[in-house]
């Protein structure tokens, strides 16, 4: 009577490598549409707050990744605000001024974003 030992342990399948998008240029560049240039935005820039128009479907995490990728700085805090569409009348005709979304990015002291 011979006893055969069977290797009952199953070999683990090789794990798939994680692909990160941080090395791919321009992945989040479309998130920040343009800087929002207003009196209020200029006043907040003096306190390290920068305001951008963003896509209405954009989330805070996407804005964080976009600021890291495009400007190379680490945001300290981000606030998002929805801009409501407004009706306007011109020469008796009613039109709609489109809404959107804006993101205010707050940076640490010493960090700056160059807006041209």
C-alpha atoms as a PDB file:
ATOM      1  CA  UNK A   1       0.000   0.000   0.000  1.00  0.00           C
ATOM      2  CA  UNK A   2       1.607   3.172  -1.146  1.00  0.00           C
ATOM      3  CA  UNK A   3       0.464   6.544  -0.045  1.00  0.00           C
ATOM      4  CA  UNK A   4       0.676   9.237  -2.573  1.00  0.00           C
ATOM      5  CA  UNK A   5       0.700  12.804  -1.415  1.00  0.00           C
ATOM      6  CA  UNK A   6      -1.208  15.083  -3.634  1.00  0.00           C
ATOM      7  CA  UNK A   7      -0.429  18.712  -3.773  1.00  0.00           C
ATOM      8  CA  UNK A   8      -3.866  20.052  -2.959  1.00  0.00           C
ATOM      9  CA  UNK A   9      -2.781  23.652  -2.827  1.00  0.00           C
ATOM     10  CA  UNK A  10      -3.838  25.596  -5.838  1.00  0.00           C
ATOM     11  CA  UNK A  11      -1.388  27.953  -7.356  1.00  0.00           C
ATOM     12  CA  UNK A  12      -2.469  31.550  -7.054  1.00  0.00           C
ATOM     13  CA  UNK A  13      -3.109  33.298 -10.321  1.00  0.00           C
ATOM     14  CA  UNK A  14      -0.707  36.166 -10.985  1.00  0.00           C
ATOM     15  CA  UNK A  15      -2.210  39.461  -9.888  1.00  0.00           C
ATOM     16  CA  UNK A  16      -3.000  42.015 -12.548  1.00  0.00           C
ATOM     17  CA  UNK A  17      -0.850  45.115 -12.477  1.00  0.00           C
ATOM     18  CA  UNK A  18      -2.570  48.290 -11.397  1.00  0.00           C
ATOM     19  CA  UNK A  19      -2.638  50.935 -14.090  1.00  0.00           C
ATOM     20  CA  UNK A  20      -2.502  54.502 -12.885  1.00  0.00           C
ATOM     21  CA  UNK A  21      -3.382  57.463 -15.032  1.00  0.00           C
ATOM     22  CA  UNK A  22      -0.982  59.804 -13.283  1.00  0.00           C
ATOM     23  CA  UNK A  23       1.722  59.090 -15.853  1.00  0.00           C
ATOM     24  CA  UNK A  24      -0.564  59.724 -18.822  1.00  0.00           C
ATOM     25  CA  UNK A  25      -0.452  63.394 -19.798  1.00  0.00           C
ATOM     26  CA  UNK A  26      -3.690  65.259 -20.304  1.00  0.00           C
ATOM     27  CA  UNK A  27      -6.101  62.773 -18.756  1.00  0.00           C
ATOM     28  CA  UNK A  28      -7.685  65.331 -16.438  1.00  0.00           C
ATOM     29  CA  UNK A  29      -6.816  68.451 -18.436  1.00  0.00           C
ATOM     30  CA  UNK A  30     -10.396  68.720 -19.779  1.00  0.00           C
ATOM     31  CA  UNK A  31     -11.859  69.003 -16.258  1.00  0.00           C
ATOM     32  CA  UNK A  32     -10.677  72.582 -15.677  1.00  0.00           C
ATOM     33  CA  UNK A  33     -12.318  74.502 -18.520  1.00  0.00           C
ATOM     34  CA  UNK A  34     -10.903  77.973 -17.798  1.00  0.00           C
ATOM     35  CA  UNK A  35     -10.093  80.218 -14.866  1.00  0.00           C
ATOM     36  CA  UNK A  36     -13.017  82.373 -13.742  1.00  0.00           C
ATOM     37  CA  UNK A  37     -11.872  85.997 -13.831  1.00  0.00           C
ATOM     38  CA  UNK A  38     -14.147  88.155 -11.657  1.00  0.00           C
ATOM     39  CA  UNK A  39     -13.636  90.684  -8.863  1.00  0.00           C
ATOM     40  CA  UNK A  40     -14.574  88.083  -6.278  1.00  0.00           C
ATOM     41  CA  UNK A  41     -12.222  85.492  -7.796  1.00  0.00           C
ATOM     42  CA  UNK A  42      -9.374  88.009  -7.851  1.00  0.00           C
ATOM     43  CA  UNK A  43      -9.973  88.830  -4.182  1.00  0.00           C
ATOM     44  CA  UNK A  44      -9.908  85.131  -3.268  1.00  0.00           C
ATOM     45  CA  UNK A  45      -6.656  84.677  -5.236  1.00  0.00           C
ATOM     46  CA  UNK A  46      -4.976  87.011  -2.750  1.00  0.00           C
ATOM     47  CA  UNK A  47      -5.967  84.496  -0.038  1.00  0.00           C
ATOM     48  CA  UNK A  48      -4.667  81.488  -2.066  1.00  0.00           C
ATOM     49  CA  UNK A  49      -8.080  80.624  -3.534  1.00  0.00           C
ATOM     50  CA  UNK A  50      -8.333  80.105  -7.301  1.00  0.00           C
ATOM     51  CA  UNK A  51     -11.671  79.791  -9.126  1.00  0.00           C
ATOM     52  CA  UNK A  52     -12.201  77.663 -12.253  1.00  0.00           C
ATOM     53  CA  UNK A  53     -15.183  76.920 -14.474  1.00  0.00           C
ATOM     54  CA  UNK A  54     -15.531  73.142 -14.598  1.00  0.00           C
ATOM     55  CA  UNK A  55     -17.712  70.591 -16.341  1.00  0.00           C
ATOM     56  CA  UNK A  56     -21.114  70.268 -14.578  1.00  0.00           C
ATOM     57  CA  UNK A  57     -20.588  66.501 -14.089  1.00  0.00           C
ATOM     58  CA  UNK A  58     -17.170  66.939 -12.474  1.00  0.00           C
ATOM     59  CA  UNK A  59     -16.544  65.699  -8.930  1.00  0.00           C
ATOM     60  CA  UNK A  60     -14.192  67.069  -6.281  1.00  0.00           C
ATOM     61  CA  UNK A  61     -11.796  64.147  -6.661  1.00  0.00           C
ATOM     62  CA  UNK A  62     -11.486  64.808 -10.407  1.00  0.00           C
ATOM     63  CA  UNK A  63     -10.717  68.487  -9.722  1.00  0.00           C
ATOM     64  CA  UNK A  64      -8.023  67.476  -7.203  1.00  0.00           C
ATOM     65  CA  UNK A  65      -6.393  65.179  -9.772  1.00  0.00           C
ATOM     66  CA  UNK A  66      -6.640  67.844 -12.488  1.00  0.00           C
ATOM     67  CA  UNK A  67      -4.982  70.525 -10.340  1.00  0.00           C
ATOM     68  CA  UNK A  68      -2.186  68.107  -9.436  1.00  0.00           C
ATOM     69  CA  UNK A  69      -1.653  67.181 -13.092  1.00  0.00           C
ATOM     70  CA  UNK A  70      -1.971  70.579 -14.759  1.00  0.00           C
ATOM     71  CA  UNK A  71      -0.408  72.911 -12.175  1.00  0.00           C
ATOM     72  CA  UNK A  72       1.713  70.530 -10.077  1.00  0.00           C
ATOM     73  CA  UNK A  73       0.443  71.773  -6.692  1.00  0.00           C
ATOM     74  CA  UNK A  74      -1.432  69.977  -3.909  1.00  0.00           C
ATOM     75  CA  UNK A  75      -4.857  71.532  -3.160  1.00  0.00           C
ATOM     76  CA  UNK A  76      -5.670  71.956   0.515  1.00  0.00           C
ATOM     77  CA  UNK A  77      -9.452  72.304   0.093  1.00  0.00           C
ATOM     78  CA  UNK A  78     -11.950  72.478  -2.763  1.00  0.00           C
ATOM     79  CA  UNK A  79     -15.448  73.944  -2.786  1.00  0.00           C
ATOM     80  CA  UNK A  80     -17.865  73.297  -5.649  1.00  0.00           C
ATOM     81  CA  UNK A  81     -20.787  75.577  -6.553  1.00  0.00           C
ATOM     82  CA  UNK A  82     -23.529  75.029  -9.117  1.00  0.00           C
ATOM     83  CA  UNK A  83     -24.368  78.085 -11.212  1.00  0.00           C
ATOM     84  CA  UNK A  84     -28.101  78.223 -11.932  1.00  0.00           C
ATOM     85  CA  UNK A  85     -29.255  79.145 -15.486  1.00  0.00           C
ATOM     86  CA  UNK A  86     -30.915  82.578 -15.573  1.00  0.00           C
ATOM     87  CA  UNK A  87     -33.572  83.973 -17.905  1.00  0.00           C
ATOM     88  CA  UNK A  88     -32.766  87.284 -19.581  1.00  0.00           C
ATOM     89  CA  UNK A  89     -34.928  89.558 -21.712  1.00  0.00           C
ATOM     90  CA  UNK A  90     -33.539  91.477 -24.676  1.00  0.00           C
ATOM     91  CA  UNK A  91     -35.810  93.557 -26.956  1.00  0.00           C
ATOM     92  CA  UNK A  92     -38.886  91.671 -25.818  1.00  0.00           C
ATOM     93  CA  UNK A  93     -37.420  88.241 -26.411  1.00  0.00           C
ATOM     94  CA  UNK A  94     -36.730  85.875 -23.569  1.00  0.00           C
ATOM     95  CA  UNK A  95     -33.494  83.942 -23.572  1.00  0.00           C
ATOM     96  CA  UNK A  96     -31.565  81.790 -21.136  1.00  0.00           C
ATOM     97  CA  UNK A  97     -28.054  82.475 -19.928  1.00  0.00           C
ATOM     98  CA  UNK A  98     -26.517  79.068 -19.423  1.00  0.00           C
ATOM     99  CA  UNK A  99     -25.486  77.843 -16.002  1.00  0.00           C
ATOM    100  CA  UNK A 100     -22.629  75.551 -15.093  1.00  0.00           C
ATOM    101  CA  UNK A 101     -20.358  74.695 -12.215  1.00  0.00           C
ATOM    102  CA  UNK A 102     -17.378  76.389 -10.610  1.00  0.00           C
ATOM    103  CA  UNK A 103     -14.688  75.053  -8.325  1.00  0.00           C
ATOM    104  CA  UNK A 104     -12.681  77.102  -5.845  1.00  0.00           C
ATOM    105  CA  UNK A 105      -9.283  75.545  -5.155  1.00  0.00           C
ATOM    106  CA  UNK A 106      -7.561  76.575  -1.911  1.00  0.00           C
ATOM    107  CA  UNK A 107      -3.793  76.120  -1.694  1.00  0.00           C
ATOM    108  CA  UNK A 108      -1.261  76.184   1.137  1.00  0.00           C
ATOM    109  CA  UNK A 109       0.635  79.391   1.845  1.00  0.00           C
ATOM    110  CA  UNK A 110       3.526  79.713  -0.558  1.00  0.00           C
ATOM    111  CA  UNK A 111       1.869  77.671  -3.347  1.00  0.00           C
ATOM    112  CA  UNK A 112       0.656  79.683  -6.322  1.00  0.00           C
ATOM    113  CA  UNK A 113      -0.973  79.038  -9.671  1.00  0.00           C
ATOM    114  CA  UNK A 114       0.112  81.213 -12.581  1.00  0.00           C
ATOM    115  CA  UNK A 115      -3.011  82.252 -14.500  1.00  0.00           C
ATOM    116  CA  UNK A 116      -2.187  83.982 -17.767  1.00  0.00           C
END
